[in-house]
Amino acid sequence: MREVLSRIAAAVAPVMLFIVFSAVHGKAQARASMELLETKQTATQTSLEIEGQVKNISPREVSGVTVVCDFMDANGKSIKREQSHLDTDPLGPNKTSTFKISTPYNAGIKRFNVTFAQMFGGPLVTKDSRK
């Protein structure tokens, strides 16, 4: 009986360790690495421009950051999506950068959402601290 239990424990232990380490790794990735400090929008007859400031709140340098702005209607439906880059690249820990992104003017655009992604690292979790 002991031998059977020992074999079961030996078979289950690696699986349990994998699950535990995967969960810890997943939680670490969920921590915000960028903080959106401010955005300001300006509209003309031909374009809508978003200027903003973001801070790297991770302990590591980030590079190749893409700014993604989803321009939406009053109901939150996406009308247009534009991409740009940070003005400072790479961006060190606790450093800030400005960015600018624009799209042709569309009277249906009523709101926008700014997110960040890294070229080979996917989306960057962002803390929105705009007032």
Protein backbone atom coordinates (compact mmCIF):
# COMPACT_ATOMS: atom_id res chain seq x y z
CA MET A 1 0.00 0.00 0.00
CA ARG A 2 2.81 2.40 0.89
CA GLU A 3 4.48 1.68 -2.41
CA VAL A 4 1.30 2.57 -4.30
CA LEU A 5 0.90 5.83 -2.38
CA SER A 6 4.56 6.70 -2.96
CA ARG A 7 4.14 6.19 -6.71
CA ILE A 8 0.99 8.30 -6.79
CA ALA A 9 2.74 11.09 -4.84
CA ALA A 10 5.74 10.91 -7.18
CA ALA A 11 3.47 11.20 -10.21
CA VAL A 12 1.30 14.00 -8.79
CA ALA A 13 4.08 16.16 -7.28
CA PRO A 14 5.50 17.48 -10.60
CA VAL A 15 2.01 18.38 -11.81
CA MET A 16 1.24 20.24 -8.58
CA LEU A 17 4.53 22.15 -8.77
CA PHE A 18 3.79 23.12 -12.36
CA ILE A 19 0.33 24.42 -11.38
CA VAL A 20 1.71 26.41 -8.45
CA PHE A 21 4.53 27.99 -10.47
CA SER A 22 2.20 28.76 -13.37
CA ALA A 23 -0.20 30.55 -11.03
CA VAL A 24 2.60 32.59 -9.46
CA HIS A 25 3.97 33.50 -12.90
CA GLY A 26 0.48 34.52 -14.08
CA LYS A 27 0.02 36.81 -11.07
CA ALA A 28 3.37 38.47 -11.68
CA GLN A 29 2.35 39.23 -15.24
CA ALA A 30 -0.90 40.84 -14.04
CA ARG A 31 0.99 43.62 -12.23
CA ALA A 32 0.80 46.95 -14.01
CA SER A 33 3.97 47.87 -15.86
CA MET A 34 2.78 51.19 -17.28
CA GLU A 35 0.88 54.07 -15.69
CA LEU A 36 -1.17 56.39 -17.88
CA LEU A 37 -0.69 59.80 -16.24
CA GLU A 38 -2.62 62.11 -18.54
CA THR A 39 -4.25 62.55 -21.93
CA LYS A 40 -5.42 65.65 -23.72
CA GLN A 41 -7.49 65.67 -26.88
CA THR A 42 -7.52 68.35 -29.55
CA ALA A 43 -9.91 68.41 -32.50
CA THR A 44 -9.75 70.34 -35.73
CA GLN A 45 -11.99 70.13 -38.79
CA THR A 46 -9.70 67.48 -40.24
CA SER A 47 -8.21 65.52 -37.32
CA LEU A 48 -8.54 64.40 -33.73
CA GLU A 49 -5.26 64.29 -31.80
CA ILE A 50 -4.51 62.67 -28.44
CA GLU A 51 -1.40 63.75 -26.54
CA GLY A 52 -0.47 61.98 -23.34
CA GLN A 53 2.11 61.03 -20.78
CA VAL A 54 2.92 57.54 -19.51
CA LYS A 55 5.29 56.23 -16.83
CA ASN A 56 7.13 52.92 -16.73
CA ILE A 57 6.30 51.58 -13.25
CA SER A 58 7.96 48.22 -13.78
CA PRO A 59 11.44 47.40 -12.45
CA ARG A 60 12.75 46.81 -15.98
CA GLU A 61 13.38 48.89 -19.07
CA VAL A 62 10.74 48.59 -21.80
CA SER A 63 11.45 49.09 -25.48
CA GLY A 64 9.48 48.97 -28.68
CA VAL A 65 6.30 50.14 -26.93
CA THR A 66 3.34 50.72 -29.21
CA VAL A 67 0.58 53.14 -28.20
CA VAL A 68 -2.83 51.90 -29.31
CA CYS A 69 -5.81 54.24 -29.29
CA ASP A 70 -9.29 52.88 -29.85
CA PHE A 71 -11.63 55.69 -30.94
CA MET A 72 -15.25 54.85 -30.08
CA ASP A 73 -18.79 56.12 -30.50
CA ALA A 74 -21.07 57.12 -27.61
CA ASN A 75 -22.02 53.45 -27.02
CA GLY A 76 -18.40 52.28 -26.80
CA LYS A 77 -18.35 50.69 -30.26
CA SER A 78 -14.97 50.98 -31.94
CA ILE A 79 -14.94 53.28 -34.96
CA LYS A 80 -11.22 53.49 -35.66
CA ARG A 81 -8.00 52.16 -34.12
CA GLU A 82 -4.69 53.97 -34.52
CA GLN A 83 -1.15 53.14 -33.41
CA SER A 84 1.88 55.22 -32.55
CA HIS A 85 5.05 54.97 -30.45
CA LEU A 86 6.39 56.55 -27.29
CA ASP A 87 8.60 59.60 -27.79
CA THR A 88 11.23 57.99 -25.51
CA ASP A 89 12.46 54.52 -26.45
CA PRO A 90 13.68 52.61 -24.56
CA LEU A 91 11.90 53.80 -21.41
CA GLY A 92 13.72 53.05 -18.16
CA PRO A 93 12.13 52.14 -14.83
CA ASN A 94 10.31 55.10 -13.18
CA LYS A 95 10.83 57.24 -16.29
CA THR A 96 8.09 59.04 -18.20
CA SER A 97 7.47 59.59 -21.88
CA THR A 98 5.05 61.57 -23.94
CA PHE A 99 3.15 60.25 -26.95
CA LYS A 100 0.95 61.65 -29.68
CA ILE A 101 -1.60 59.83 -31.80
CA SER A 102 -4.10 61.15 -34.32
CA THR A 103 -6.89 60.05 -36.61
CA PRO A 104 -8.95 61.80 -39.28
CA TYR A 105 -11.85 63.74 -37.77
CA ASN A 106 -15.10 61.78 -37.45
CA ALA A 107 -18.12 63.37 -35.74
CA GLY A 108 -19.14 59.93 -34.45
CA ILE A 109 -16.07 59.66 -32.21
CA LYS A 110 -17.17 60.47 -28.66
CA ARG A 111 -14.55 58.70 -26.52
CA PHE A 112 -11.24 56.90 -26.70
CA ASN A 113 -9.23 54.26 -24.87
CA VAL A 114 -5.41 54.20 -24.78
CA THR A 115 -3.48 50.97 -24.23
CA PHE A 116 0.15 49.94 -24.62
CA ALA A 117 1.83 46.88 -26.07
CA GLN A 118 5.38 45.70 -26.51
CA MET A 119 6.49 44.47 -29.92
CA PHE A 120 7.44 40.96 -28.82
CA GLY A 121 5.85 40.92 -25.36
CA GLY A 122 2.18 41.56 -26.09
CA PRO A 123 -0.11 43.91 -24.12
CA LEU A 124 1.34 45.83 -21.20
CA VAL A 125 -0.91 45.97 -18.13
CA THR A 126 -1.66 49.65 -17.54
CA LYS A 127 -2.77 51.52 -14.45
CA ASP A 128 -4.96 54.50 -15.47
CA SER A 129 -4.19 57.40 -13.11
CA ARG A 130 -5.81 60.17 -15.14
CA LYS A 131 -7.88 62.56 -13.07
